[in-house]
PDB file of all heavy atoms in Angstrom:
ATOM      1  N   ILE A   1      -3.109  -5.061  -6.078  1.00  0.00           N
ATOM      2  CA  ILE A   1      -2.387  -5.882  -5.102  1.00  0.00           C
ATOM      3  C   ILE A   1      -2.484  -7.345  -5.507  1.00  0.00           C
ATOM      4  O   ILE A   1      -3.572  -7.916  -5.585  1.00  0.00           O
ATOM      5  CB  ILE A   1      -2.942  -5.702  -3.676  1.00  0.00           C
ATOM      6  CG1 ILE A   1      -2.888  -4.224  -3.251  1.00  0.00           C
ATOM      7  CG2 ILE A   1      -2.144  -6.554  -2.692  1.00  0.00           C
ATOM      8  CD1 ILE A   1      -3.424  -3.972  -1.856  1.00  0.00           C
ATOM      9  N   GLU A   2      -1.345  -7.952  -5.746  1.00  0.00           N
ATOM     10  CA  GLU A   2      -1.268  -9.361  -6.140  1.00  0.00           C
ATOM     11  C   GLU A   2      -1.301 -10.251  -4.901  1.00  0.00           C
ATOM     12  O   GLU A   2      -0.599  -9.975  -3.910  1.00  0.00           O
ATOM     13  CB  GLU A   2       0.030  -9.597  -6.913  1.00  0.00           C
ATOM     14  CG  GLU A   2       0.259 -11.021  -7.354  1.00  0.00           C
ATOM     15  CD  GLU A   2       1.513 -11.159  -8.178  1.00  0.00           C
ATOM     16  OE1 GLU A   2       1.883 -10.180  -8.874  1.00  0.00           O
ATOM     17  OE2 GLU A   2       2.134 -12.234  -8.140  1.00  0.00           O
ATOM     18  N   PRO A   3      -2.105 -11.306  -4.895  1.00  0.00           N
ATOM     19  CA  PRO A   3      -2.089 -12.239  -3.761  1.00  0.00           C
ATOM     20  C   PRO A   3      -0.687 -12.799  -3.532  1.00  0.00           C
ATOM     21  O   PRO A   3       0.060 -13.037  -4.484  1.00  0.00           O
ATOM     22  CB  PRO A   3      -3.063 -13.335  -4.197  1.00  0.00           C
ATOM     23  CG  PRO A   3      -3.964 -12.673  -5.190  1.00  0.00           C
ATOM     24  CD  PRO A   3      -3.102 -11.686  -5.905  1.00  0.00           C
ATOM     25  N   SER A   4      -0.337 -13.022  -2.271  1.00  0.00           N
ATOM     26  CA  SER A   4       0.983 -13.555  -1.959  1.00  0.00           C
ATOM     27  C   SER A   4       1.104 -15.025  -2.351  1.00  0.00           C
ATOM     28  O   SER A   4       2.206 -15.507  -2.657  1.00  0.00           O
ATOM     29  CB  SER A   4       1.275 -13.398  -0.464  1.00  0.00           C
ATOM     30  OG  SER A   4       0.275 -14.051   0.314  1.00  0.00           O
ATOM     31  N   VAL A   5      -0.024 -15.740  -2.334  1.00  0.00           N
ATOM     32  CA  VAL A   5      -0.056 -17.147  -2.753  1.00  0.00           C
ATOM     33  C   VAL A   5      -1.361 -17.393  -3.484  1.00  0.00           C
ATOM     34  O   VAL A   5      -2.323 -16.646  -3.351  1.00  0.00           O
ATOM     35  CB  VAL A   5       0.060 -18.127  -1.553  1.00  0.00           C
ATOM     36  CG1 VAL A   5       1.402 -17.997  -0.872  1.00  0.00           C
ATOM     37  CG2 VAL A   5      -1.082 -17.890  -0.558  1.00  0.00           C
ATOM     38  N   ASN A   6      -1.404 -18.465  -4.255  1.00  0.00           N
ATOM     39  CA  ASN A   6      -2.640 -18.872  -4.920  1.00  0.00           C
ATOM     40  C   ASN A   6      -3.369 -19.853  -4.012  1.00  0.00           C
ATOM     41  O   ASN A   6      -2.952 -21.003  -3.870  1.00  0.00           O
ATOM     42  CB  ASN A   6      -2.320 -19.513  -6.275  1.00  0.00           C
ATOM     43  CG  ASN A   6      -3.577 -19.761  -7.103  1.00  0.00           C
ATOM     44  OD1 ASN A   6      -4.675 -19.834  -6.566  1.00  0.00           O
ATOM     45  ND2 ASN A   6      -3.404 -19.895  -8.401  1.00  0.00           N
ATOM     46  N   ALA A   7      -4.463 -19.389  -3.402  1.00  0.00           N
ATOM     47  CA  ALA A   7      -5.176 -20.208  -2.414  1.00  0.00           C
ATOM     48  C   ALA A   7      -6.568 -20.608  -2.888  1.00  0.00           C
ATOM     49  O   ALA A   7      -7.352 -21.148  -2.103  1.00  0.00           O
ATOM     50  CB  ALA A   7      -5.283 -19.452  -1.095  1.00  0.00           C
ATOM     51  N   GLU A   8      -6.876 -20.361  -4.155  1.00  0.00           N
ATOM     52  CA  GLU A   8      -8.236 -20.651  -4.611  1.00  0.00           C
ATOM     53  C   GLU A   8      -8.448 -22.134  -4.903  1.00  0.00           C
ATOM     54  O   GLU A   8      -7.496 -22.901  -5.055  1.00  0.00           O
ATOM     55  CB  GLU A   8      -8.572 -19.822  -5.844  1.00  0.00           C
ATOM     56  CG  GLU A   8      -7.861 -20.229  -7.110  1.00  0.00           C
ATOM     57  CD  GLU A   8      -8.291 -19.384  -8.297  1.00  0.00           C
ATOM     58  OE1 GLU A   8      -9.408 -19.598  -8.790  1.00  0.00           O
ATOM     59  OE2 GLU A   8      -7.511 -18.514  -8.717  1.00  0.00           O
ATOM     60  N   LYS A   9      -9.714 -22.490  -4.986  1.00  0.00           N
ATOM     61  CA  LYS A   9     -10.115 -23.863  -5.287  1.00  0.00           C
ATOM     62  C   LYS A   9     -10.522 -23.973  -6.758  1.00  0.00           C
ATOM     63  O   LYS A   9     -10.737 -22.968  -7.427  1.00  0.00           O
ATOM     64  CB  LYS A   9     -11.286 -24.263  -4.390  1.00  0.00           C
ATOM     65  CG  LYS A   9     -10.953 -24.299  -2.909  1.00  0.00           C
ATOM     66  CD  LYS A   9     -12.185 -24.703  -2.093  1.00  0.00           C
ATOM     67  CE  LYS A   9     -11.876 -24.727  -0.604  1.00  0.00           C
ATOM     68  NZ  LYS A   9     -13.067 -25.126   0.201  1.00  0.00           N
ATOM     69  N   PRO A  10     -10.652 -25.195  -7.254  1.00  0.00           N
ATOM     70  CA  PRO A  10     -11.074 -25.374  -8.649  1.00  0.00           C
ATOM     71  C   PRO A  10     -12.474 -24.813  -8.897  1.00  0.00           C
ATOM     72  O   PRO A  10     -13.279 -24.639  -7.969  1.00  0.00           O
ATOM     73  CB  PRO A  10     -11.041 -26.894  -8.832  1.00  0.00           C
ATOM     74  CG  PRO A  10     -10.091 -27.392  -7.797  1.00  0.00           C
ATOM     75  CD  PRO A  10     -10.271 -26.478  -6.618  1.00  0.00           C
ATOM     76  N   ALA A  11     -12.755 -24.541 -10.145  1.00  0.00           N
ATOM     77  CA  ALA A  11     -14.069 -24.028 -10.537  1.00  0.00           C
ATOM     78  C   ALA A  11     -15.169 -24.969 -10.054  1.00  0.00           C
ATOM     79  O   ALA A  11     -15.017 -26.191 -10.057  1.00  0.00           O
ATOM     80  CB  ALA A  11     -14.126 -23.888 -12.053  1.00  0.00           C
ATOM     81  N   GLY A  12     -16.291 -24.365  -9.641  1.00  0.00           N
ATOM     82  CA  GLY A  12     -17.451 -25.144  -9.223  1.00  0.00           C
ATOM     83  C   GLY A  12     -17.476 -25.503  -7.754  1.00  0.00           C
ATOM     84  O   GLY A  12     -18.470 -26.056  -7.271  1.00  0.00           O
ATOM     85  N   GLU A  13     -16.395 -25.209  -7.008  1.00  0.00           N
ATOM     86  CA  GLU A  13     -16.368 -25.488  -5.573  1.00  0.00           C
ATOM     87  C   GLU A  13     -16.655 -24.204  -4.790  1.00  0.00           C
ATOM     88  O   GLU A  13     -16.290 -23.104  -5.206  1.00  0.00           O
ATOM     89  CB  GLU A  13     -15.007 -26.044  -5.154  1.00  0.00           C
ATOM     90  CG  GLU A  13     -14.675 -27.404  -5.757  1.00  0.00           C
ATOM     91  CD  GLU A  13     -13.412 -28.007  -5.167  1.00  0.00           C
ATOM     92  OE1 GLU A  13     -13.007 -27.573  -4.053  1.00  0.00           O
ATOM     93  OE2 GLU A  13     -12.835 -28.911  -5.802  1.00  0.00           O
ATOM     94  N   TRP A  14     -17.301 -24.374  -3.633  1.00  0.00           N
ATOM     95  CA  TRP A  14     -17.558 -23.225  -2.775  1.00  0.00           C
ATOM     96  C   TRP A  14     -16.251 -22.763  -2.128  1.00  0.00           C
ATOM     97  O   TRP A  14     -15.452 -23.575  -1.667  1.00  0.00           O
ATOM     98  CB  TRP A  14     -18.589 -23.560  -1.708  1.00  0.00           C
ATOM     99  CG  TRP A  14     -19.989 -23.565  -2.249  1.00  0.00           C
ATOM    100  CD1 TRP A  14     -20.727 -24.646  -2.603  1.00  0.00           C
ATOM    101  CD2 TRP A  14     -20.789 -22.421  -2.524  1.00  0.00           C
ATOM    102  NE1 TRP A  14     -21.957 -24.256  -3.086  1.00  0.00           N
ATOM    103  CE2 TRP A  14     -22.028 -22.887  -3.051  1.00  0.00           C
ATOM    104  CE3 TRP A  14     -20.599 -21.044  -2.393  1.00  0.00           C
ATOM    105  CZ2 TRP A  14     -23.047 -22.020  -3.428  1.00  0.00           C
ATOM    106  CZ3 TRP A  14     -21.622 -20.177  -2.772  1.00  0.00           C
ATOM    107  CH2 TRP A  14     -22.828 -20.680  -3.281  1.00  0.00           C
ATOM    108  N   GLN A  15     -16.062 -21.436  -2.116  1.00  0.00           N
ATOM    109  CA  GLN A  15     -14.855 -20.846  -1.558  1.00  0.00           C
ATOM    110  C   GLN A  15     -15.236 -19.746  -0.569  1.00  0.00           C
ATOM    111  O   GLN A  15     -16.241 -19.052  -0.749  1.00  0.00           O
ATOM    112  CB  GLN A  15     -13.978 -20.260  -2.666  1.00  0.00           C
ATOM    113  CG  GLN A  15     -13.686 -21.250  -3.787  1.00  0.00           C
ATOM    114  CD  GLN A  15     -12.653 -20.718  -4.748  1.00  0.00           C
ATOM    115  OE1 GLN A  15     -11.531 -20.389  -4.350  1.00  0.00           O
ATOM    116  NE2 GLN A  15     -12.993 -20.630  -6.033  1.00  0.00           N
ATOM    117  N   SER A  16     -14.426 -19.584   0.458  1.00  0.00           N
ATOM    118  CA  SER A  16     -14.701 -18.568   1.477  1.00  0.00           C
ATOM    119  C   SER A  16     -13.773 -17.372   1.292  1.00  0.00           C
ATOM    120  O   SER A  16     -12.596 -17.519   0.959  1.00  0.00           O
ATOM    121  CB  SER A  16     -14.517 -19.153   2.881  1.00  0.00           C
ATOM    122  OG  SER A  16     -13.162 -19.505   3.108  1.00  0.00           O
ATOM    123  N   MET A  17     -14.340 -16.182   1.505  1.00  0.00           N
ATOM    124  CA  MET A  17     -13.570 -14.941   1.468  1.00  0.00           C
ATOM    125  C   MET A  17     -13.839 -14.177   2.756  1.00  0.00           C
ATOM    126  O   MET A  17     -14.990 -14.025   3.178  1.00  0.00           O
ATOM    127  CB  MET A  17     -13.936 -14.087   0.258  1.00  0.00           C
ATOM    128  CG  MET A  17     -13.768 -14.780  -1.081  1.00  0.00           C
ATOM    129  SD  MET A  17     -14.073 -13.697  -2.517  1.00  0.00           S
ATOM    130  CE  MET A  17     -12.497 -12.867  -2.628  1.00  0.00           C
ATOM    131  N   ASP A  18     -12.758 -13.725   3.374  1.00  0.00           N
ATOM    132  CA  ASP A  18     -12.823 -12.948   4.610  1.00  0.00           C
ATOM    133  C   ASP A  18     -12.020 -11.678   4.346  1.00  0.00           C
ATOM    134  O   ASP A  18     -10.797 -11.712   4.224  1.00  0.00           O
ATOM    135  CB  ASP A  18     -12.218 -13.773   5.752  1.00  0.00           C
ATOM    136  CG  ASP A  18     -12.386 -13.113   7.117  1.00  0.00           C
ATOM    137  OD1 ASP A  18     -12.453 -11.870   7.165  1.00  0.00           O
ATOM    138  OD2 ASP A  18     -12.425 -13.836   8.130  1.00  0.00           O
ATOM    139  N   ILE A  19     -12.717 -10.541   4.244  1.00  0.00           N
ATOM    140  CA  ILE A  19     -12.115  -9.297   3.759  1.00  0.00           C
ATOM    141  C   ILE A  19     -12.259  -8.216   4.828  1.00  0.00           C
ATOM    142  O   ILE A  19     -13.362  -7.954   5.310  1.00  0.00           O
ATOM    143  CB  ILE A  19     -12.817  -8.829   2.467  1.00  0.00           C
ATOM    144  CG1 ILE A  19     -12.767  -9.924   1.390  1.00  0.00           C
ATOM    145  CG2 ILE A  19     -12.214  -7.540   1.963  1.00  0.00           C
ATOM    146  CD1 ILE A  19     -13.770  -9.707   0.266  1.00  0.00           C
ATOM    147  N   THR A  20     -11.148  -7.587   5.182  1.00  0.00           N
ATOM    148  CA  THR A  20     -11.193  -6.468   6.123  1.00  0.00           C
ATOM    149  C   THR A  20     -10.632  -5.219   5.453  1.00  0.00           C
ATOM    150  O   THR A  20      -9.512  -5.234   4.927  1.00  0.00           O
ATOM    151  CB  THR A  20     -10.382  -6.772   7.391  1.00  0.00           C
ATOM    152  OG1 THR A  20     -10.928  -7.921   8.043  1.00  0.00           O
ATOM    153  CG2 THR A  20     -10.415  -5.592   8.359  1.00  0.00           C
ATOM    154  N   LEU A  21     -11.422  -4.161   5.464  1.00  0.00           N
ATOM    155  CA  LEU A  21     -11.001  -2.861   4.948  1.00  0.00           C
ATOM    156  C   LEU A  21     -11.017  -1.871   6.102  1.00  0.00           C
ATOM    157  O   LEU A  21     -12.068  -1.620   6.702  1.00  0.00           O
ATOM    158  CB  LEU A  21     -11.945  -2.382   3.843  1.00  0.00           C
ATOM    159  CG  LEU A  21     -11.653  -1.002   3.259  1.00  0.00           C
ATOM    160  CD1 LEU A  21     -10.312  -0.994   2.529  1.00  0.00           C
ATOM    161  CD2 LEU A  21     -12.773  -0.559   2.318  1.00  0.00           C
ATOM    162  N   HIS A  22      -9.832  -1.319   6.430  1.00  0.00           N
ATOM    163  CA  HIS A  22      -9.733  -0.408   7.563  1.00  0.00           C
ATOM    164  C   HIS A  22      -8.629   0.610   7.299  1.00  0.00           C
ATOM    165  O   HIS A  22      -7.482   0.253   7.042  1.00  0.00           O
ATOM    166  CB  HIS A  22      -9.429  -1.202   8.843  1.00  0.00           C
ATOM    167  CG  HIS A  22      -9.440  -0.370  10.096  1.00  0.00           C
ATOM    168  ND1 HIS A  22     -10.409   0.568  10.359  1.00  0.00           N
ATOM    169  CD2 HIS A  22      -8.592  -0.338  11.170  1.00  0.00           C
ATOM    170  CE1 HIS A  22     -10.170   1.131  11.540  1.00  0.00           C
ATOM    171  NE2 HIS A  22      -9.077   0.605  12.037  1.00  0.00           N
ATOM    172  N   GLN A  23      -9.005   1.873   7.342  1.00  0.00           N
ATOM    173  CA  GLN A  23      -8.070   2.983   7.162  1.00  0.00           C
ATOM    174  C   GLN A  23      -7.267   2.835   5.860  1.00  0.00           C
ATOM    175  O   GLN A  23      -6.057   3.009   5.829  1.00  0.00           O
ATOM    176  CB  GLN A  23      -7.128   3.097   8.368  1.00  0.00           C
ATOM    177  CG  GLN A  23      -7.848   3.435   9.655  1.00  0.00           C
ATOM    178  CD  GLN A  23      -6.939   3.473  10.860  1.00  0.00           C
ATOM    179  OE1 GLN A  23      -5.711   3.354  10.738  1.00  0.00           O
ATOM    180  NE2 GLN A  23      -7.513   3.637  12.038  1.00  0.00           N
ATOM    181  N   ARG A  24      -7.977   2.491   4.793  1.00  0.00           N
ATOM    182  CA  ARG A  24      -7.386   2.309   3.471  1.00  0.00           C
ATOM    183  C   ARG A  24      -6.293   1.233   3.467  1.00  0.00           C
ATOM    184  O   ARG A  24      -5.336   1.296   2.697  1.00  0.00           O
ATOM    185  CB  ARG A  24      -6.858   3.629   2.910  1.00  0.00           C
ATOM    186  CG  ARG A  24      -7.957   4.619   2.526  1.00  0.00           C
ATOM    187  CD  ARG A  24      -7.388   5.774   1.708  1.00  0.00           C
ATOM    188  NE  ARG A  24      -6.586   6.664   2.520  1.00  0.00           N
ATOM    189  CZ  ARG A  24      -5.694   7.512   2.044  1.00  0.00           C
ATOM    190  NH1 ARG A  24      -5.450   7.569   0.741  1.00  0.00           N
ATOM    191  NH2 ARG A  24      -5.015   8.310   2.844  1.00  0.00           N
ATOM    192  N   HIS A  25      -6.458   0.235   4.308  1.00  0.00           N
ATOM    193  CA  HIS A  25      -5.584  -0.935   4.309  1.00  0.00           C
ATOM    194  C   HIS A  25      -6.469  -2.173   4.173  1.00  0.00           C
ATOM    195  O   HIS A  25      -7.575  -2.220   4.709  1.00  0.00           O
ATOM    196  CB  HIS A  25      -4.749  -1.012   5.582  1.00  0.00           C
ATOM    197  CG  HIS A  25      -3.612  -0.027   5.598  1.00  0.00           C
ATOM    198  ND1 HIS A  25      -3.808   1.315   5.818  1.00  0.00           N
ATOM    199  CD2 HIS A  25      -2.271  -0.197   5.400  1.00  0.00           C
ATOM    200  CE1 HIS A  25      -2.631   1.937   5.771  1.00  0.00           C
ATOM    201  NE2 HIS A  25      -1.693   1.047   5.511  1.00  0.00           N
ATOM    202  N   LEU A  26      -5.969  -3.162   3.454  1.00  0.00           N
ATOM    203  CA  LEU A  26      -6.786  -4.299   3.054  1.00  0.00           C
ATOM    204  C   LEU A  26      -6.168  -5.620   3.496  1.00  0.00           C
ATOM    205  O   LEU A  26      -4.958  -5.839   3.324  1.00  0.00           O
ATOM    206  CB  LEU A  26      -6.943  -4.301   1.527  1.00  0.00           C
ATOM    207  CG  LEU A  26      -7.709  -5.471   0.898  1.00  0.00           C
ATOM    208  CD1 LEU A  26      -9.189  -5.400   1.263  1.00  0.00           C
ATOM    209  CD2 LEU A  26      -7.532  -5.467  -0.615  1.00  0.00           C
ATOM    210  N   THR A  27      -7.027  -6.481   4.031  1.00  0.00           N
ATOM    211  CA  THR A  27      -6.654  -7.862   4.333  1.00  0.00           C
ATOM    212  C   THR A  27      -7.652  -8.779   3.655  1.00  0.00           C
ATOM    213  O   THR A  27      -8.862  -8.572   3.760  1.00  0.00           O
ATOM    214  CB  THR A  27      -6.647  -8.124   5.851  1.00  0.00           C
ATOM    215  OG1 THR A  27      -5.650  -7.292   6.468  1.00  0.00           O
ATOM    216  CG2 THR A  27      -6.323  -9.580   6.148  1.00  0.00           C
ATOM    217  N   VAL A  28      -7.150  -9.780   2.937  1.00  0.00           N
ATOM    218  CA  VAL A  28      -8.009 -10.776   2.291  1.00  0.00           C
ATOM    219  C   VAL A  28      -7.537 -12.164   2.697  1.00  0.00           C
ATOM    220  O   VAL A  28      -6.362 -12.513   2.515  1.00  0.00           O
ATOM    221  CB  VAL A  28      -7.982 -10.650   0.753  1.00  0.00           C
ATOM    222  CG1 VAL A  28      -8.841 -11.741   0.112  1.00  0.00           C
ATOM    223  CG2 VAL A  28      -8.464  -9.268   0.315  1.00  0.00           C
ATOM    224  N   ILE A  29      -8.468 -12.937   3.248  1.00  0.00           N
ATOM    225  CA  ILE A  29      -8.210 -14.333   3.594  1.00  0.00           C
ATOM    226  C   ILE A  29      -9.073 -15.182   2.674  1.00  0.00           C
ATOM    227  O   ILE A  29     -10.299 -15.103   2.724  1.00  0.00           O
ATOM    228  CB  ILE A  29      -8.534 -14.618   5.066  1.00  0.00           C
ATOM    229  CG1 ILE A  29      -7.717 -13.689   5.983  1.00  0.00           C
ATOM    230  CG2 ILE A  29      -8.262 -16.080   5.415  1.00  0.00           C
ATOM    231  CD1 ILE A  29      -8.131 -13.756   7.442  1.00  0.00           C
ATOM    232  N   LEU A  30      -8.446 -15.967   1.825  1.00  0.00           N
ATOM    233  CA  LEU A  30      -9.147 -16.815   0.862  1.00  0.00           C
ATOM    234  C   LEU A  30      -8.992 -18.270   1.268  1.00  0.00           C
ATOM    235  O   LEU A  30      -7.873 -18.773   1.371  1.00  0.00           O
ATOM    236  CB  LEU A  30      -8.584 -16.585  -0.547  1.00  0.00           C
ATOM    237  CG  LEU A  30      -9.198 -17.413  -1.677  1.00  0.00           C
ATOM    238  CD1 LEU A  30     -10.686 -17.102  -1.855  1.00  0.00           C
ATOM    239  CD2 LEU A  30      -8.443 -17.172  -2.983  1.00  0.00           C
ATOM    240  N   ASN A  31     -10.130 -18.906   1.530  1.00  0.00           N
ATOM    241  CA  ASN A  31     -10.136 -20.324   1.919  1.00  0.00           C
ATOM    242  C   ASN A  31      -9.195 -20.598   3.091  1.00  0.00           C
ATOM    243  O   ASN A  31      -8.479 -21.610   3.126  1.00  0.00           O
ATOM    244  CB  ASN A  31      -9.781 -21.200   0.732  1.00  0.00           C
ATOM    245  CG  ASN A  31     -10.769 -21.046  -0.414  1.00  0.00           C
ATOM    246  OD1 ASN A  31     -11.974 -20.962  -0.191  1.00  0.00           O
ATOM    247  ND2 ASN A  31     -10.264 -20.965  -1.639  1.00  0.00           N
ATOM    248  N   GLY A  32      -9.191 -19.663   4.054  1.00  0.00           N
ATOM    249  CA  GLY A  32      -8.400 -19.834   5.268  1.00  0.00           C
ATOM    250  C   GLY A  32      -6.959 -19.388   5.173  1.00  0.00           C
ATOM    251  O   GLY A  32      -6.231 -19.426   6.176  1.00  0.00           O
ATOM    252  N   THR A  33      -6.514 -18.945   4.002  1.00  0.00           N
ATOM    253  CA  THR A  33      -5.128 -18.502   3.811  1.00  0.00           C
ATOM    254  C   THR A  33      -5.091 -16.995   3.575  1.00  0.00           C
ATOM    255  O   THR A  33      -5.806 -16.486   2.707  1.00  0.00           O
ATOM    256  CB  THR A  33      -4.484 -19.221   2.607  1.00  0.00           C
ATOM    257  OG1 THR A  33      -4.466 -20.641   2.858  1.00  0.00           O
ATOM    258  CG2 THR A  33      -3.069 -18.736   2.375  1.00  0.00           C
ATOM    259  N   THR A  34      -4.262 -16.308   4.324  1.00  0.00           N
ATOM    260  CA  THR A  34      -4.116 -14.869   4.143  1.00  0.00           C
ATOM    261  C   THR A  34      -3.310 -14.609   2.869  1.00  0.00           C
ATOM    262  O   THR A  34      -2.142 -14.991   2.777  1.00  0.00           O
ATOM    263  CB  THR A  34      -3.405 -14.226   5.344  1.00  0.00           C
ATOM    264  OG1 THR A  34      -4.185 -14.466   6.528  1.00  0.00           O
ATOM    265  CG2 THR A  34      -3.253 -12.719   5.139  1.00  0.00           C
ATOM    266  N   ILE A  35      -3.940 -13.959   1.900  1.00  0.00           N
ATOM    267  CA  ILE A  35      -3.273 -13.694   0.619  1.00  0.00           C
ATOM    268  C   ILE A  35      -2.944 -12.216   0.433  1.00  0.00           C
ATOM    269  O   ILE A  35      -2.111 -11.863  -0.399  1.00  0.00           O
ATOM    270  CB  ILE A  35      -4.115 -14.215  -0.567  1.00  0.00           C
ATOM    271  CG1 ILE A  35      -5.470 -13.509  -0.645  1.00  0.00           C
ATOM    272  CG2 ILE A  35      -4.307 -15.726  -0.476  1.00  0.00           C
ATOM    273  CD1 ILE A  35      -6.271 -13.842  -1.889  1.00  0.00           C
ATOM    274  N   ILE A  36      -3.602 -11.338   1.201  1.00  0.00           N
ATOM    275  CA  ILE A  36      -3.264  -9.918   1.262  1.00  0.00           C
ATOM    276  C   ILE A  36      -3.286  -9.548   2.741  1.00  0.00           C
ATOM    277  O   ILE A  36      -4.321  -9.686   3.403  1.00  0.00           O
ATOM    278  CB  ILE A  36      -4.252  -9.045   0.465  1.00  0.00           C
ATOM    279  CG1 ILE A  36      -4.222  -9.410  -1.021  1.00  0.00           C
ATOM    280  CG2 ILE A  36      -3.931  -7.571   0.650  1.00  0.00           C
ATOM    281  CD1 ILE A  36      -5.239  -8.661  -1.861  1.00  0.00           C
ATOM    282  N   ASP A  37      -2.161  -9.081   3.257  1.00  0.00           N
ATOM    283  CA  ASP A  37      -2.005  -8.927   4.708  1.00  0.00           C
ATOM    284  C   ASP A  37      -1.852  -7.459   5.097  1.00  0.00           C
ATOM    285  O   ASP A  37      -0.747  -6.924   5.130  1.00  0.00           O
ATOM    286  CB  ASP A  37      -0.791  -9.742   5.174  1.00  0.00           C
ATOM    287  CG  ASP A  37      -0.706  -9.822   6.697  1.00  0.00           C
ATOM    288  OD1 ASP A  37      -1.626  -9.333   7.372  1.00  0.00           O
ATOM    289  OD2 ASP A  37       0.295 -10.383   7.198  1.00  0.00           O
ATOM    290  N   ASN A  38      -2.988  -6.799   5.347  1.00  0.00           N
ATOM    291  CA  ASN A  38      -2.997  -5.432   5.868  1.00  0.00           C
ATOM    292  C   ASN A  38      -2.175  -4.493   4.984  1.00  0.00           C
ATOM    293  O   ASN A  38      -1.395  -3.671   5.453  1.00  0.00           O
ATOM    294  CB  ASN A  38      -2.447  -5.424   7.303  1.00  0.00           C
ATOM    295  CG  ASN A  38      -2.998  -4.269   8.132  1.00  0.00           C
ATOM    296  OD1 ASN A  38      -3.958  -3.600   7.748  1.00  0.00           O
ATOM    297  ND2 ASN A  38      -2.395  -4.037   9.282  1.00  0.00           N
ATOM    298  N   GLN A  39      -2.399  -4.629   3.669  1.00  0.00           N
ATOM    299  CA  GLN A  39      -1.634  -3.872   2.686  1.00  0.00           C
ATOM    300  C   GLN A  39      -2.300  -2.522   2.380  1.00  0.00           C
ATOM    301  O   GLN A  39      -3.526  -2.410   2.373  1.00  0.00           O
ATOM    302  CB  GLN A  39      -1.503  -4.668   1.388  1.00  0.00           C
ATOM    303  CG  GLN A  39      -0.685  -5.938   1.532  1.00  0.00           C
ATOM    304  CD  GLN A  39       0.763  -5.625   1.849  1.00  0.00           C
ATOM    305  OE1 GLN A  39       1.433  -4.913   1.110  1.00  0.00           O
ATOM    306  NE2 GLN A  39       1.244  -6.134   2.967  1.00  0.00           N
ATOM    307  N   PRO A  40      -1.511  -1.481   2.098  1.00  0.00           N
ATOM    308  CA  PRO A  40      -2.093  -0.170   1.764  1.00  0.00           C
ATOM    309  C   PRO A  40      -2.788  -0.207   0.413  1.00  0.00           C
ATOM    310  O   PRO A  40      -2.316  -0.834  -0.534  1.00  0.00           O
ATOM    311  CB  PRO A  40      -0.870   0.752   1.731  1.00  0.00           C
ATOM    312  CG  PRO A  40       0.289  -0.151   1.452  1.00  0.00           C
ATOM    313  CD  PRO A  40      -0.040  -1.458   2.112  1.00  0.00           C
TER     314      PRO A  40
END
């Protein structure tokens, strides 16, 4: 699954990941931006 947008920060900076896995569907929020939205 390709991220919908590039939301990462430059190397060496702290980054946040918020990942939900439910019923074989995935949501990834990187640095406050949803890049994978409840995808199978």
